[in-house]
PDB file of N, CA and C in Angstrom:
ATOM      1  N   UNK A   1       0.804  -1.221   0.000  1.00  0.00           N
ATOM      2  CA  UNK A   1       0.000   0.000   0.000  1.00  0.00           C
ATOM      3  C   UNK A   1       0.841   1.278   0.000  1.00  0.00           C
ATOM      4  N   UNK A   2       1.940   1.279   0.746  1.00  0.00           N
ATOM      5  CA  UNK A   2       2.767   2.489   0.789  1.00  0.00           C
ATOM      6  C   UNK A   2       3.384   2.792  -0.571  1.00  0.00           C
ATOM      7  N   UNK A   3       3.821   1.747  -1.269  1.00  0.00           N
ATOM      8  CA  UNK A   3       4.404   1.947  -2.591  1.00  0.00           C
ATOM      9  C   UNK A   3       3.354   2.485  -3.560  1.00  0.00           C
ATOM     10  N   UNK A   4       2.141   1.958  -3.483  1.00  0.00           N
ATOM     11  CA  UNK A   4       1.071   2.444  -4.353  1.00  0.00           C
ATOM     12  C   UNK A   4       0.788   3.919  -4.086  1.00  0.00           C
ATOM     13  N   UNK A   5       0.756   4.308  -2.821  1.00  0.00           N
ATOM     14  CA  UNK A   5       0.482   5.706  -2.489  1.00  0.00           C
ATOM     15  C   UNK A   5       1.582   6.602  -3.059  1.00  0.00           C
ATOM     16  N   UNK A   6       2.828   6.148  -2.985  1.00  0.00           N
ATOM     17  CA  UNK A   6       3.944   6.935  -3.505  1.00  0.00           C
ATOM     18  C   UNK A   6       3.971   6.968  -5.029  1.00  0.00           C
ATOM     19  N   UNK A   7       3.626   5.843  -5.670  1.00  0.00           N
ATOM     20  CA  UNK A   7       3.773   5.744  -7.115  1.00  0.00           C
ATOM     21  C   UNK A   7       2.621   4.947  -7.740  1.00  0.00           C
ATOM     22  N   UNK A   8       1.440   5.548  -7.830  1.00  0.00           N
ATOM     23  CA  UNK A   8       0.289   4.826  -8.370  1.00  0.00           C
ATOM     24  C   UNK A   8       0.463   4.422  -9.831  1.00  0.00           C
ATOM     25  N   UNK A   9       1.306   5.136 -10.552  1.00  0.00           N
ATOM     26  CA  UNK A   9       1.531   4.811 -11.961  1.00  0.00           C
ATOM     27  C   UNK A   9       2.117   3.413 -12.128  1.00  0.00           C
ATOM     28  N   UNK A  10       2.812   2.906 -11.129  1.00  0.00           N
ATOM     29  CA  UNK A  10       3.433   1.575 -11.232  1.00  0.00           C
ATOM     30  C   UNK A  10       2.379   0.492 -11.483  1.00  0.00           C
ATOM     31  N   UNK A  11       1.236   0.587 -10.823  1.00  0.00           N
ATOM     32  CA  UNK A  11       0.145  -0.376 -11.017  1.00  0.00           C
ATOM     33  C   UNK A  11      -0.363  -0.325 -12.457  1.00  0.00           C
ATOM     34  N   UNK A  12      -0.598   0.877 -12.957  1.00  0.00           N
ATOM     35  CA  UNK A  12      -1.122   1.032 -14.310  1.00  0.00           C
ATOM     36  C   UNK A  12      -0.096   0.614 -15.355  1.00  0.00           C
ATOM     37  N   UNK A  13       1.168   0.876 -15.099  1.00  0.00           N
ATOM     38  CA  UNK A  13       2.221   0.421 -16.012  1.00  0.00           C
ATOM     39  C   UNK A  13       2.281  -1.099 -16.059  1.00  0.00           C
ATOM     40  N   UNK A  14       2.108  -1.738 -14.909  1.00  0.00           N
ATOM     41  CA  UNK A  14       2.125  -3.206 -14.859  1.00  0.00           C
ATOM     42  C   UNK A  14       0.966  -3.778 -15.683  1.00  0.00           C
ATOM     43  N   UNK A  15      -0.199  -3.170 -15.590  1.00  0.00           N
ATOM     44  CA  UNK A  15      -1.354  -3.604 -16.393  1.00  0.00           C
ATOM     45  C   UNK A  15      -1.038  -3.438 -17.875  1.00  0.00           C
ATOM     46  N   UNK A  16      -0.534  -2.284 -18.238  1.00  0.00           N
ATOM     47  CA  UNK A  16      -0.227  -1.979 -19.630  1.00  0.00           C
ATOM     48  C   UNK A  16       0.845  -2.915 -20.180  1.00  0.00           C
ATOM     49  N   UNK A  17       1.911  -3.097 -19.439  1.00  0.00           N
ATOM     50  CA  UNK A  17       3.047  -3.909 -19.887  1.00  0.00           C
ATOM     51  C   UNK A  17       2.684  -5.392 -20.023  1.00  0.00           C
ATOM     52  N   UNK A  18       1.921  -5.907 -19.064  1.00  0.00           N
ATOM     53  CA  UNK A  18       1.586  -7.336 -19.076  1.00  0.00           C
ATOM     54  C   UNK A  18       0.334  -7.647 -19.890  1.00  0.00           C
ATOM     55  N   UNK A  19      -0.333  -6.593 -20.369  1.00  0.00           N
ATOM     56  CA  UNK A  19      -1.573  -6.726 -21.133  1.00  0.00           C
ATOM     57  C   UNK A  19      -2.639  -7.454 -20.312  1.00  0.00           C
ATOM     58  N   UNK A  20      -2.709  -7.109 -19.036  1.00  0.00           N
ATOM     59  CA  UNK A  20      -3.681  -7.714 -18.122  1.00  0.00           C
ATOM     60  C   UNK A  20      -5.098  -7.437 -18.614  1.00  0.00           C
ATOM     61  N   UNK A  21      -5.945  -8.444 -18.470  1.00  0.00           N
ATOM     62  CA  UNK A  21      -7.341  -8.270 -18.869  1.00  0.00           C
ATOM     63  C   UNK A  21      -8.231  -8.007 -17.666  1.00  0.00           C
ATOM     64  N   UNK A  22      -7.704  -8.288 -16.448  1.00  0.00           N
ATOM     65  CA  UNK A  22      -8.474  -8.085 -15.225  1.00  0.00           C
ATOM     66  C   UNK A  22      -7.580  -7.538 -14.130  1.00  0.00           C
ATOM     67  N   UNK A  23      -8.124  -6.603 -13.374  1.00  0.00           N
ATOM     68  CA  UNK A  23      -7.435  -6.059 -12.220  1.00  0.00           C
ATOM     69  C   UNK A  23      -8.489  -5.388 -11.344  1.00  0.00           C
ATOM     70  N   UNK A  24      -8.062  -4.878 -10.217  1.00  0.00           N
ATOM     71  CA  UNK A  24      -9.028  -4.203  -9.373  1.00  0.00           C
ATOM     72  C   UNK A  24      -8.422  -3.629  -8.126  1.00  0.00           C
ATOM     73  N   UNK A  25      -9.252  -2.907  -7.396  1.00  0.00           N
ATOM     74  CA  UNK A  25      -8.832  -2.276  -6.158  1.00  0.00           C
ATOM     75  C   UNK A  25      -9.979  -1.510  -5.540  1.00  0.00           C
ATOM     76  N   UNK A  26      -9.700  -0.856  -4.437  1.00  0.00           N
ATOM     77  CA  UNK A  26     -10.731  -0.068  -3.766  1.00  0.00           C
ATOM     78  C   UNK A  26     -10.951   1.283  -4.454  1.00  0.00           C
ATOM     79  N   UNK A  27     -12.037   1.901  -4.143  1.00  0.00           N
ATOM     80  CA  UNK A  27     -12.363   3.215  -4.681  1.00  0.00           C
ATOM     81  C   UNK A  27     -11.174   4.173  -4.536  1.00  0.00           C
ATOM     82  N   UNK A  28     -10.515   4.124  -3.403  1.00  0.00           N
ATOM     83  CA  UNK A  28      -9.376   5.003  -3.145  1.00  0.00           C
ATOM     84  C   UNK A  28      -8.326   4.898  -4.258  1.00  0.00           C
ATOM     85  N   UNK A  29      -8.049   3.699  -4.737  1.00  0.00           N
ATOM     86  CA  UNK A  29      -7.013   3.501  -5.749  1.00  0.00           C
ATOM     87  C   UNK A  29      -7.347   4.262  -7.033  1.00  0.00           C
ATOM     88  N   UNK A  30      -8.589   4.202  -7.446  1.00  0.00           N
ATOM     89  CA  UNK A  30      -8.993   4.880  -8.674  1.00  0.00           C
ATOM     90  C   UNK A  30      -8.968   6.392  -8.512  1.00  0.00           C
ATOM     91  N   UNK A  31      -9.400   6.853  -7.362  1.00  0.00           N
ATOM     92  CA  UNK A  31      -9.363   8.296  -7.073  1.00  0.00           C
ATOM     93  C   UNK A  31      -7.916   8.790  -7.057  1.00  0.00           C
ATOM     94  N   UNK A  32      -7.042   8.029  -6.411  1.00  0.00           N
ATOM     95  CA  UNK A  32      -5.631   8.413  -6.312  1.00  0.00           C
ATOM     96  C   UNK A  32      -4.980   8.461  -7.699  1.00  0.00           C
ATOM     97  N   UNK A  33      -5.259   7.475  -8.524  1.00  0.00           N
ATOM     98  CA  UNK A  33      -4.711   7.466  -9.884  1.00  0.00           C
ATOM     99  C   UNK A  33      -5.219   8.658 -10.691  1.00  0.00           C
ATOM    100  N   UNK A  34      -6.509   8.901 -10.633  1.00  0.00           N
ATOM    101  CA  UNK A  34      -7.104   9.997 -11.411  1.00  0.00           C
ATOM    102  C   UNK A  34      -6.515  11.345 -11.010  1.00  0.00           C
ATOM    103  N   UNK A  35      -6.200  11.498  -9.738  1.00  0.00           N
ATOM    104  CA  UNK A  35      -5.676  12.782  -9.249  1.00  0.00           C
ATOM    105  C   UNK A  35      -4.156  12.897  -9.347  1.00  0.00           C
ATOM    106  N   UNK A  36      -3.445  11.773  -9.340  1.00  0.00           N
ATOM    107  CA  UNK A  36      -1.988  11.812  -9.191  1.00  0.00           C
ATOM    108  C   UNK A  36      -1.196  11.527 -10.458  1.00  0.00           C
ATOM    109  N   UNK A  37      -1.726  10.731 -11.367  1.00  0.00           N
ATOM    110  CA  UNK A  37      -0.972  10.347 -12.555  1.00  0.00           C
ATOM    111  C   UNK A  37      -0.962  11.529 -13.523  1.00  0.00           C
ATOM    112  N   UNK A  38       0.226  11.893 -13.953  1.00  0.00           N
ATOM    113  CA  UNK A  38       0.387  13.069 -14.808  1.00  0.00           C
ATOM    114  C   UNK A  38       0.146  12.733 -16.283  1.00  0.00           C
ATOM    115  N   UNK A  39      -0.059  13.769 -17.075  1.00  0.00           N
ATOM    116  CA  UNK A  39      -0.238  13.595 -18.519  1.00  0.00           C
ATOM    117  C   UNK A  39       1.001  12.943 -19.130  1.00  0.00           C
ATOM    118  N   UNK A  40       2.158  13.317 -18.668  1.00  0.00           N
ATOM    119  CA  UNK A  40       3.397  12.713 -19.176  1.00  0.00           C
ATOM    120  C   UNK A  40       3.453  11.220 -18.870  1.00  0.00           C
ATOM    121  N   UNK A  41       3.046  10.833 -17.670  1.00  0.00           N
ATOM    122  CA  UNK A  41       3.042   9.423 -17.294  1.00  0.00           C
ATOM    123  C   UNK A  41       2.022   8.632 -18.112  1.00  0.00           C
ATOM    124  N   UNK A  42       0.924   9.250 -18.453  1.00  0.00           N
ATOM    125  CA  UNK A  42      -0.132   8.586 -19.222  1.00  0.00           C
ATOM    126  C   UNK A  42       0.283   8.320 -20.669  1.00  0.00           C
ATOM    127  N   UNK A  43       1.235   9.055 -21.150  1.00  0.00           N
ATOM    128  CA  UNK A  43       1.611   9.001 -22.558  1.00  0.00           C
ATOM    129  C   UNK A  43       1.943   7.581 -23.039  1.00  0.00           C
ATOM    130  N   UNK A  44       2.583   6.776 -22.192  1.00  0.00           N
ATOM    131  CA  UNK A  44       3.005   5.439 -22.600  1.00  0.00           C
ATOM    132  C   UNK A  44       2.074   4.330 -22.127  1.00  0.00           C
ATOM    133  N   UNK A  45       0.939   4.677 -21.543  1.00  0.00           N
ATOM    134  CA  UNK A  45       0.009   3.655 -21.051  1.00  0.00           C
ATOM    135  C   UNK A  45      -0.949   3.203 -22.145  1.00  0.00           C
ATOM    136  N   UNK A  46      -1.202   1.898 -22.152  1.00  0.00           N
ATOM    137  CA  UNK A  46      -2.244   1.349 -23.021  1.00  0.00           C
ATOM    138  C   UNK A  46      -3.124   0.456 -22.140  1.00  0.00           C
ATOM    139  N   UNK A  47      -4.270   0.969 -21.784  1.00  0.00           N
ATOM    140  CA  UNK A  47      -5.194   0.236 -20.907  1.00  0.00           C
ATOM    141  C   UNK A  47      -6.342  -0.393 -21.690  1.00  0.00           C
ATOM    142  N   UNK A  48      -6.197  -0.464 -22.998  1.00  0.00           N
ATOM    143  CA  UNK A  48      -7.259  -1.034 -23.825  1.00  0.00           C
ATOM    144  C   UNK A  48      -7.423  -2.539 -23.610  1.00  0.00           C
ATOM    145  N   UNK A  49      -6.452  -3.172 -22.981  1.00  0.00           N
ATOM    146  CA  UNK A  49      -6.507  -4.614 -22.724  1.00  0.00           C
ATOM    147  C   UNK A  49      -7.493  -4.977 -21.617  1.00  0.00           C
ATOM    148  N   UNK A  50      -7.843  -4.034 -20.758  1.00  0.00           N
ATOM    149  CA  UNK A  50      -8.692  -4.332 -19.606  1.00  0.00           C
ATOM    150  C   UNK A  50     -10.118  -4.667 -20.026  1.00  0.00           C
ATOM    151  N   UNK A  51     -10.543  -5.857 -19.646  1.00  0.00           N
ATOM    152  CA  UNK A  51     -11.919  -6.287 -19.876  1.00  0.00           C
ATOM    153  C   UNK A  51     -12.752  -6.126 -18.617  1.00  0.00           C
ATOM    154  N   UNK A  52     -12.109  -6.304 -17.456  1.00  0.00           N
ATOM    155  CA  UNK A  52     -12.772  -6.149 -16.160  1.00  0.00           C
ATOM    156  C   UNK A  52     -11.842  -5.393 -15.229  1.00  0.00           C
ATOM    157  N   UNK A  53     -12.324  -4.307 -14.691  1.00  0.00           N
ATOM    158  CA  UNK A  53     -11.607  -3.539 -13.676  1.00  0.00           C
ATOM    159  C   UNK A  53     -12.567  -3.392 -12.507  1.00  0.00           C
ATOM    160  N   UNK A  54     -12.387  -4.264 -11.511  1.00  0.00           N
ATOM    161  CA  UNK A  54     -13.359  -4.270 -10.415  1.00  0.00           C
ATOM    162  C   UNK A  54     -13.033  -3.217  -9.370  1.00  0.00           C
ATOM    163  N   UNK A  55     -14.069  -2.797  -8.701  1.00  0.00           N
ATOM    164  CA  UNK A  55     -13.955  -1.787  -7.661  1.00  0.00           C
ATOM    165  C   UNK A  55     -14.739  -2.277  -6.454  1.00  0.00           C
ATOM    166  N   UNK A  56     -14.105  -2.294  -5.310  1.00  0.00           N
ATOM    167  CA  UNK A  56     -14.785  -2.749  -4.108  1.00  0.00           C
ATOM    168  C   UNK A  56     -13.995  -2.442  -2.857  1.00  0.00           C
ATOM    169  N   UNK A  57     -14.408  -3.014  -1.762  1.00  0.00           N
ATOM    170  CA  UNK A  57     -13.733  -2.944  -0.470  1.00  0.00           C
ATOM    171  C   UNK A  57     -13.985  -1.668   0.310  1.00  0.00           C
ATOM    172  N   UNK A  58     -14.753  -0.761  -0.209  1.00  0.00           N
ATOM    173  CA  UNK A  58     -15.161   0.442   0.510  1.00  0.00           C
ATOM    174  C   UNK A  58     -16.310   1.041  -0.286  1.00  0.00           C
ATOM    175  N   UNK A  59     -16.922   2.090   0.181  1.00  0.00           N
ATOM    176  CA  UNK A  59     -17.995   2.669  -0.639  1.00  0.00           C
ATOM    177  C   UNK A  59     -17.494   2.978  -2.050  1.00  0.00           C
ATOM    178  N   UNK A  60     -18.284   2.600  -3.020  1.00  0.00           N
ATOM    179  CA  UNK A  60     -17.947   2.851  -4.419  1.00  0.00           C
ATOM    180  C   UNK A  60     -18.660   4.130  -4.824  1.00  0.00           C
ATOM    181  N   UNK A  61     -17.884   5.100  -5.276  1.00  0.00           N
ATOM    182  CA  UNK A  61     -18.442   6.404  -5.620  1.00  0.00           C
ATOM    183  C   UNK A  61     -18.519   6.550  -7.142  1.00  0.00           C
ATOM    184  N   UNK A  62     -19.722   6.737  -7.663  1.00  0.00           N
ATOM    185  CA  UNK A  62     -19.866   6.894  -9.119  1.00  0.00           C
ATOM    186  C   UNK A  62     -19.006   8.017  -9.684  1.00  0.00           C
ATOM    187  N   UNK A  63     -18.830   9.089  -8.926  1.00  0.00           N
ATOM    188  CA  UNK A  63     -18.016  10.207  -9.425  1.00  0.00           C
ATOM    189  C   UNK A  63     -16.547   9.806  -9.570  1.00  0.00           C
ATOM    190  N   UNK A  64     -16.080   8.878  -8.744  1.00  0.00           N
ATOM    191  CA  UNK A  64     -14.707   8.393  -8.880  1.00  0.00           C
ATOM    192  C   UNK A  64     -14.572   7.557 -10.151  1.00  0.00           C
ATOM    193  N   UNK A  65     -15.533   6.699 -10.398  1.00  0.00           N
ATOM    194  CA  UNK A  65     -15.511   5.891 -11.624  1.00  0.00           C
ATOM    195  C   UNK A  65     -15.519   6.804 -12.846  1.00  0.00           C
ATOM    196  N   UNK A  66     -16.344   7.831 -12.815  1.00  0.00           N
ATOM    197  CA  UNK A  66     -16.400   8.780 -13.929  1.00  0.00           C
ATOM    198  C   UNK A  66     -15.075   9.535 -14.080  1.00  0.00           C
ATOM    199  N   UNK A  67     -14.489   9.958 -12.967  1.00  0.00           N
ATOM    200  CA  UNK A  67     -13.231  10.713 -12.999  1.00  0.00           C
ATOM    201  C   UNK A  67     -12.094   9.835 -13.560  1.00  0.00           C
ATOM    202  N   UNK A  68     -12.001   8.582 -13.083  1.00  0.00           N
ATOM    203  CA  UNK A  68     -10.969   7.677 -13.574  1.00  0.00           C
ATOM    204  C   UNK A  68     -11.185   7.403 -15.063  1.00  0.00           C
ATOM    205  N   UNK A  69     -12.415   7.127 -15.458  1.00  0.00           N
ATOM    206  CA  UNK A  69     -12.725   6.837 -16.856  1.00  0.00           C
ATOM    207  C   UNK A  69     -12.323   7.992 -17.765  1.00  0.00           C
ATOM    208  N   UNK A  70     -12.623   9.205 -17.360  1.00  0.00           N
ATOM    209  CA  UNK A  70     -12.265  10.380 -18.151  1.00  0.00           C
ATOM    210  C   UNK A  70     -10.749  10.582 -18.172  1.00  0.00           C
ATOM    211  N   UNK A  71     -10.117  10.384 -17.032  1.00  0.00           N
ATOM    212  CA  UNK A  71      -8.673  10.598 -16.932  1.00  0.00           C
ATOM    213  C   UNK A  71      -7.878   9.635 -17.805  1.00  0.00           C
ATOM    214  N   UNK A  72      -8.393   8.415 -18.005  1.00  0.00           N
ATOM    215  CA  UNK A  72      -7.633   7.403 -18.733  1.00  0.00           C
ATOM    216  C   UNK A  72      -8.263   6.993 -20.066  1.00  0.00           C
ATOM    217  N   UNK A  73      -9.236   7.756 -20.520  1.00  0.00           N
ATOM    218  CA  UNK A  73      -9.844   7.491 -21.828  1.00  0.00           C
ATOM    219  C   UNK A  73      -8.796   7.580 -22.939  1.00  0.00           C
ATOM    220  N   UNK A  74      -7.905   8.524 -22.828  1.00  0.00           N
ATOM    221  CA  UNK A  74      -6.848   8.700 -23.821  1.00  0.00           C
ATOM    222  C   UNK A  74      -5.825   7.576 -23.820  1.00  0.00           C
ATOM    223  N   UNK A  75      -5.876   6.730 -22.810  1.00  0.00           N
ATOM    224  CA  UNK A  75      -4.976   5.572 -22.707  1.00  0.00           C
ATOM    225  C   UNK A  75      -5.677   4.302 -23.176  1.00  0.00           C
ATOM    226  N   UNK A  76      -6.853   4.461 -23.755  1.00  0.00           N
ATOM    227  CA  UNK A  76      -7.590   3.322 -24.282  1.00  0.00           C
ATOM    228  C   UNK A  76      -8.500   2.643 -23.279  1.00  0.00           C
ATOM    229  N   UNK A  77      -8.653   3.234 -22.086  1.00  0.00           N
ATOM    230  CA  UNK A  77      -9.518   2.601 -21.091  1.00  0.00           C
ATOM    231  C   UNK A  77     -10.977   2.707 -21.512  1.00  0.00           C
ATOM    232  N   UNK A  78     -11.664   1.571 -21.474  1.00  0.00           N
ATOM    233  CA  UNK A  78     -13.089   1.517 -21.795  1.00  0.00           C
ATOM    234  C   UNK A  78     -13.877   1.513 -20.485  1.00  0.00           C
ATOM    235  N   UNK A  79     -14.689   2.534 -20.219  1.00  0.00           N
ATOM    236  CA  UNK A  79     -15.440   2.594 -18.963  1.00  0.00           C
ATOM    237  C   UNK A  79     -16.377   1.405 -18.758  1.00  0.00           C
ATOM    238  N   UNK A  80     -16.735   0.700 -19.827  1.00  0.00           N
ATOM    239  CA  UNK A  80     -17.579  -0.473 -19.683  1.00  0.00           C
ATOM    240  C   UNK A  80     -16.849  -1.623 -18.984  1.00  0.00           C
ATOM    241  N   UNK A  81     -15.537  -1.492 -18.824  1.00  0.00           N
ATOM    242  CA  UNK A  81     -14.750  -2.512 -18.124  1.00  0.00           C
ATOM    243  C   UNK A  81     -14.946  -2.435 -16.609  1.00  0.00           C
ATOM    244  N   UNK A  82     -15.396  -1.282 -16.114  1.00  0.00           N
ATOM    245  CA  UNK A  82     -15.583  -1.148 -14.661  1.00  0.00           C
ATOM    246  C   UNK A  82     -16.646  -2.116 -14.174  1.00  0.00           C
ATOM    247  N   UNK A  83     -16.336  -2.771 -13.066  1.00  0.00           N
ATOM    248  CA  UNK A  83     -17.228  -3.759 -12.465  1.00  0.00           C
ATOM    249  C   UNK A  83     -17.291  -3.500 -10.967  1.00  0.00           C
ATOM    250  N   UNK A  84     -18.203  -2.630 -10.540  1.00  0.00           N
ATOM    251  CA  UNK A  84     -18.312  -2.339  -9.101  1.00  0.00           C
ATOM    252  C   UNK A  84     -18.812  -3.561  -8.331  1.00  0.00           C
TER     253      UNK A  84
END
Protein backbone atom coordinates (compact mmCIF):
# COMPACT_ATOMS: atom_id res chain seq x y z
CA UNK A 1 0.00 0.00 0.00
CA UNK A 2 2.77 2.49 0.79
CA UNK A 3 4.40 1.95 -2.59
CA UNK A 4 1.07 2.44 -4.35
CA UNK A 5 0.48 5.71 -2.49
CA UNK A 6 3.94 6.94 -3.51
CA UNK A 7 3.77 5.74 -7.12
CA UNK A 8 0.29 4.83 -8.37
CA UNK A 9 1.53 4.81 -11.96
CA UNK A 10 3.43 1.57 -11.23
CA UNK A 11 0.15 -0.38 -11.02
CA UNK A 12 -1.12 1.03 -14.31
CA UNK A 13 2.22 0.42 -16.01
CA UNK A 14 2.12 -3.21 -14.86
CA UNK A 15 -1.35 -3.60 -16.39
CA UNK A 16 -0.23 -1.98 -19.63
CA UNK A 17 3.05 -3.91 -19.89
CA UNK A 18 1.59 -7.34 -19.08
CA UNK A 19 -1.57 -6.73 -21.13
CA UNK A 20 -3.68 -7.71 -18.12
CA UNK A 21 -7.34 -8.27 -18.87
CA UNK A 22 -8.47 -8.08 -15.23
CA UNK A 23 -7.43 -6.06 -12.22
CA UNK A 24 -9.03 -4.20 -9.37
CA UNK A 25 -8.83 -2.28 -6.16
CA UNK A 26 -10.73 -0.07 -3.77
CA UNK A 27 -12.36 3.22 -4.68
CA UNK A 28 -9.38 5.00 -3.15
CA UNK A 29 -7.01 3.50 -5.75
CA UNK A 30 -8.99 4.88 -8.67
CA UNK A 31 -9.36 8.30 -7.07
CA UNK A 32 -5.63 8.41 -6.31
CA UNK A 33 -4.71 7.47 -9.88
CA UNK A 34 -7.10 10.00 -11.41
CA UNK A 35 -5.68 12.78 -9.25
CA UNK A 36 -1.99 11.81 -9.19
CA UNK A 37 -0.97 10.35 -12.56
CA UNK A 38 0.39 13.07 -14.81
CA UNK A 39 -0.24 13.60 -18.52
CA UNK A 40 3.40 12.71 -19.18
CA UNK A 41 3.04 9.42 -17.29
CA UNK A 42 -0.13 8.59 -19.22
CA UNK A 43 1.61 9.00 -22.56
CA UNK A 44 3.00 5.44 -22.60
CA UNK A 45 0.01 3.66 -21.05
CA UNK A 46 -2.24 1.35 -23.02
CA UNK A 47 -5.19 0.24 -20.91
CA UNK A 48 -7.26 -1.03 -23.82
CA UNK A 49 -6.51 -4.61 -22.72
CA UNK A 50 -8.69 -4.33 -19.61
CA UNK A 51 -11.92 -6.29 -19.88
CA UNK A 52 -12.77 -6.15 -16.16
CA UNK A 53 -11.61 -3.54 -13.68
CA UNK A 54 -13.36 -4.27 -10.42
CA UNK A 55 -13.96 -1.79 -7.66
CA UNK A 56 -14.79 -2.75 -4.11
CA UNK A 57 -13.73 -2.94 -0.47
CA UNK A 58 -15.16 0.44 0.51
CA UNK A 59 -18.00 2.67 -0.64
CA UNK A 60 -17.95 2.85 -4.42
CA UNK A 61 -18.44 6.40 -5.62
CA UNK A 62 -19.87 6.89 -9.12
CA UNK A 63 -18.02 10.21 -9.42
CA UNK A 64 -14.71 8.39 -8.88
CA UNK A 65 -15.51 5.89 -11.62
CA UNK A 66 -16.40 8.78 -13.93
CA UNK A 67 -13.23 10.71 -13.00
CA UNK A 68 -10.97 7.68 -13.57
CA UNK A 69 -12.72 6.84 -16.86
CA UNK A 70 -12.26 10.38 -18.15
CA UNK A 71 -8.67 10.60 -16.93
CA UNK A 72 -7.63 7.40 -18.73
CA UNK A 73 -9.84 7.49 -21.83
CA UNK A 74 -6.85 8.70 -23.82
CA UNK A 75 -4.98 5.57 -22.71
CA UNK A 76 -7.59 3.32 -24.28
CA UNK A 77 -9.52 2.60 -21.09
CA UNK A 78 -13.09 1.52 -21.80
CA UNK A 79 -15.44 2.59 -18.96
CA UNK A 80 -17.58 -0.47 -19.68
CA UNK A 81 -14.75 -2.51 -18.12
CA UNK A 82 -15.58 -1.15 -14.66
CA UNK A 83 -17.23 -3.76 -12.47
CA UNK A 84 -18.31 -2.34 -9.10
